[in-house]
C-alpha atoms as a PDB file:
ATOM      1  CA  PHE A   1      22.591  38.927  21.032  1.00  0.00           C
ATOM      2  CA  VAL A   2      25.257  39.982  18.585  1.00  0.00           C
ATOM      3  CA  THR A   3      24.557  40.917  14.837  1.00  0.00           C
ATOM      4  CA  ALA A   4      26.850  41.212  12.089  1.00  0.00           C
ATOM      5  CA  GLY A   5      27.998  44.684  11.410  1.00  0.00           C
ATOM      6  CA  GLN A   6      25.954  46.016   8.424  1.00  0.00           C
ATOM      7  CA  VAL A   7      22.816  44.239   9.107  1.00  0.00           C
ATOM      8  CA  SER A   8      19.305  45.743   9.260  1.00  0.00           C
ATOM      9  CA  ASP A   9      17.618  46.363  12.581  1.00  0.00           C
ATOM     10  CA  TYR A  10      14.501  44.376  11.597  1.00  0.00           C
ATOM     11  CA  ILE A  11      16.725  41.061  11.648  1.00  0.00           C
ATOM     12  CA  GLY A  12      17.879  41.722  15.214  1.00  0.00           C
ATOM     13  CA  ALA A  13      14.374  42.564  16.260  1.00  0.00           C
ATOM     14  CA  ARG A  14      12.795  39.343  14.761  1.00  0.00           C
ATOM     15  CA  ALA A  15      15.331  37.347  16.702  1.00  0.00           C
ATOM     16  CA  LEU A  16      14.672  38.782  20.005  1.00  0.00           C
ATOM     17  CA  LEU A  17      11.062  39.275  19.556  1.00  0.00           C
ATOM     18  CA  SER A  18      10.650  35.832  21.588  1.00  0.00           C
ATOM     19  CA  SER A  19      12.581  36.582  24.172  1.00  0.00           C
ATOM     20  CA  LEU A  20      11.206  40.090  25.176  1.00  0.00           C
ATOM     21  CA  PRO A  21      10.303  40.438  28.747  1.00  0.00           C
ATOM     22  CA  ASN A  22       6.817  41.514  30.206  1.00  0.00           C
ATOM     23  CA  VAL A  23       6.866  45.755  29.774  1.00  0.00           C
ATOM     24  CA  ASP A  24       4.510  48.220  29.209  1.00  0.00           C
ATOM     25  CA  TRP A  25       6.696  50.144  26.410  1.00  0.00           C
ATOM     26  CA  LEU A  26       9.240  49.395  23.803  1.00  0.00           C
ATOM     27  CA  LEU A  27      11.143  52.321  23.115  1.00  0.00           C
ATOM     28  CA  GLY A  28      12.762  51.954  19.466  1.00  0.00           C
ATOM     29  CA  ASP A  29      13.882  54.527  16.802  1.00  0.00           C
ATOM     30  CA  ARG A  30      12.566  54.878  12.857  1.00  0.00           C
ATOM     31  CA  GLY A  31      14.931  51.710  12.098  1.00  0.00           C
ATOM     32  CA  TYR A  32      12.388  49.587  13.900  1.00  0.00           C
ATOM     33  CA  ASP A  33       9.106  51.048  12.235  1.00  0.00           C
ATOM     34  CA  ALA A  34       7.342  47.922  10.376  1.00  0.00           C
ATOM     35  CA  ASP A  35       4.146  46.700  10.610  1.00  0.00           C
ATOM     36  CA  TRP A  36       4.757  43.234  11.387  1.00  0.00           C
ATOM     37  CA  PHE A  37       7.025  44.282  14.272  1.00  0.00           C
ATOM     38  CA  ARG A  38       4.313  46.798  15.623  1.00  0.00           C
ATOM     39  CA  ASP A  39       1.438  44.183  15.185  1.00  0.00           C
ATOM     40  CA  ALA A  40       3.734  41.132  17.046  1.00  0.00           C
ATOM     41  CA  LEU A  41       4.829  43.946  19.759  1.00  0.00           C
ATOM     42  CA  LYS A  42       0.913  44.519  20.417  1.00  0.00           C
ATOM     43  CA  ASP A  43       0.198  40.631  20.346  1.00  0.00           C
ATOM     44  CA  LYS A  44       2.373  40.501  23.201  1.00  0.00           C
ATOM     45  CA  GLY A  45       0.806  43.247  25.011  1.00  0.00           C
ATOM     46  CA  ILE A  46       3.539  46.086  24.543  1.00  0.00           C
ATOM     47  CA  ARG A  47       2.895  49.087  23.351  1.00  0.00           C
ATOM     48  CA  PRO A  48       5.556  50.219  20.667  1.00  0.00           C
ATOM     49  CA  CYS A  49       6.900  54.187  21.082  1.00  0.00           C
ATOM     50  CA  ILE A  50       8.707  54.150  17.581  1.00  0.00           C
ATOM     51  CA  PRO A  51       8.306  57.026  15.177  1.00  0.00           C
ATOM     52  CA  GLY A  52       6.914  56.361  11.760  1.00  0.00           C
ATOM     53  CA  ARG A  53       9.545  56.428   8.878  1.00  0.00           C
ATOM     54  CA  LYS A  54       9.455  59.221   6.562  1.00  0.00           C
ATOM     55  CA  GLN A  55       8.432  57.510   3.580  1.00  0.00           C
ATOM     56  CA  ARG A  56       4.937  56.440   5.236  1.00  0.00           C
ATOM     57  CA  LYS A  57       2.092  57.406   3.653  1.00  0.00           C
ATOM     58  CA  THR A  58      -0.108  57.612   6.605  1.00  0.00           C
ATOM     59  CA  PRO A  59       1.770  58.704   9.902  1.00  0.00           C
ATOM     60  CA  VAL A  60       1.790  56.289  12.863  1.00  0.00           C
ATOM     61  CA  LYS A  61       0.708  57.982  16.614  1.00  0.00           C
ATOM     62  CA  TYR A  62       3.432  57.309  19.053  1.00  0.00           C
ATOM     63  CA  ASP A  63       4.141  59.111  22.492  1.00  0.00           C
ATOM     64  CA  GLN A  64       6.371  61.881  21.684  1.00  0.00           C
ATOM     65  CA  ARG A  65       6.674  62.776  25.502  1.00  0.00           C
ATOM     66  CA  ARG A  66       8.170  59.580  25.892  1.00  0.00           C
ATOM     67  CA  TYR A  67       9.961  58.936  23.075  1.00  0.00           C
ATOM     68  CA  LYS A  68      12.297  61.999  24.016  1.00  0.00           C
ATOM     69  CA  ARG A  69      13.386  60.040  26.940  1.00  0.00           C
ATOM     70  CA  ARG A  70      15.343  57.786  24.281  1.00  0.00           C
ATOM     71  CA  ASN A  71      18.159  60.113  24.440  1.00  0.00           C
ATOM     72  CA  ARG A  72      19.084  58.223  27.848  1.00  0.00           C
ATOM     73  CA  ILE A  73      19.856  55.309  25.658  1.00  0.00           C
ATOM     74  CA  GLU A  74      21.819  57.178  22.963  1.00  0.00           C
ATOM     75  CA  ILE A  75      23.944  58.948  25.608  1.00  0.00           C
ATOM     76  CA  MET A  76      24.915  55.668  27.008  1.00  0.00           C
ATOM     77  CA  PHE A  77      25.891  54.246  23.245  1.00  0.00           C
ATOM     78  CA  GLY A  78      28.204  57.176  22.906  1.00  0.00           C
ATOM     79  CA  ARG A  79      29.869  56.469  26.362  1.00  0.00           C
ATOM     80  CA  LEU A  80      30.563  52.922  25.150  1.00  0.00           C
ATOM     81  CA  LYS A  81      31.958  54.025  21.826  1.00  0.00           C
ATOM     82  CA  ASP A  82      34.388  56.227  23.481  1.00  0.00           C
ATOM     83  CA  TRP A  83      36.298  53.119  24.209  1.00  0.00           C
ATOM     84  CA  ARG A  84      38.003  52.543  20.893  1.00  0.00           C
ATOM     85  CA  ARG A  85      38.039  48.683  21.206  1.00  0.00           C
ATOM     86  CA  VAL A  86      34.070  48.561  21.647  1.00  0.00           C
ATOM     87  CA  ALA A  87      33.560  51.422  18.800  1.00  0.00           C
ATOM     88  CA  THR A  88      35.896  49.639  16.131  1.00  0.00           C
ATOM     89  CA  ARG A  89      34.819  46.139  17.345  1.00  0.00           C
ATOM     90  CA  TYR A  90      38.480  44.905  16.869  1.00  0.00           C
ATOM     91  CA  ASP A  91      37.132  41.288  18.557  1.00  0.00           C
ATOM     92  CA  ARG A  92      35.715  38.748  16.065  1.00  0.00           C
ATOM     93  CA  CYS A  93      34.388  36.408  18.805  1.00  0.00           C
ATOM     94  CA  PRO A  94      31.159  37.729  20.156  1.00  0.00           C
ATOM     95  CA  LYS A  95      31.776  36.414  23.492  1.00  0.00           C
ATOM     96  CA  VAL A  96      35.110  38.610  23.870  1.00  0.00           C
ATOM     97  CA  PHE A  97      33.060  41.531  22.162  1.00  0.00           C
ATOM     98  CA  LEU A  98      30.450  41.491  25.011  1.00  0.00           C
ATOM     99  CA  SER A  99      33.004  40.999  27.474  1.00  0.00           C
ATOM    100  CA  ALA A 100      34.634  44.070  26.216  1.00  0.00           C
ATOM    101  CA  ILE A 101      31.175  45.941  26.424  1.00  0.00           C
ATOM    102  CA  ALA A 102      30.604  44.528  30.020  1.00  0.00           C
ATOM    103  CA  LEU A 103      33.994  45.568  31.205  1.00  0.00           C
ATOM    104  CA  ALA A 104      33.581  49.217  29.691  1.00  0.00           C
ATOM    105  CA  ALA A 105      30.253  49.491  31.160  1.00  0.00           C
ATOM    106  CA  ILE A 106      31.639  48.773  34.662  1.00  0.00           C
ATOM    107  CA  VAL A 107      34.051  50.940  34.359  1.00  0.00           C
ATOM    108  CA  ILE A 108      32.033  53.863  33.207  1.00  0.00           C
ATOM    109  CA  TYR A 109      29.690  53.617  35.447  1.00  0.00           C
ATOM    110  CA  TRP A 110      31.309  52.554  38.735  1.00  0.00           C
ATOM    111  CA  LEU A 111      33.522  55.455  38.427  1.00  0.00           C
END
């Protein structure tokens, strides 16, 4: 699923919510901190591991130890962005863009 370049994380989260697999945890950054998203995850039996935004009046609890493992995801995105075609998104067609990501991922993790 590909969204436009300058779209809020909430829009992507709302679109993908119905197709989430059965998992125990969902790791997300502060961009996914919304009460409706947390409630929807809990309704599906998924525990959110999302830190609260700094503007929140009441802090939310999350597993800080588990959240530290999110760096693996950030490293993967960093490696993909080493590919200029992926980082600048030259391709306007979503299928071609996702194909470029797949090709970059194969080369990065196969070699």
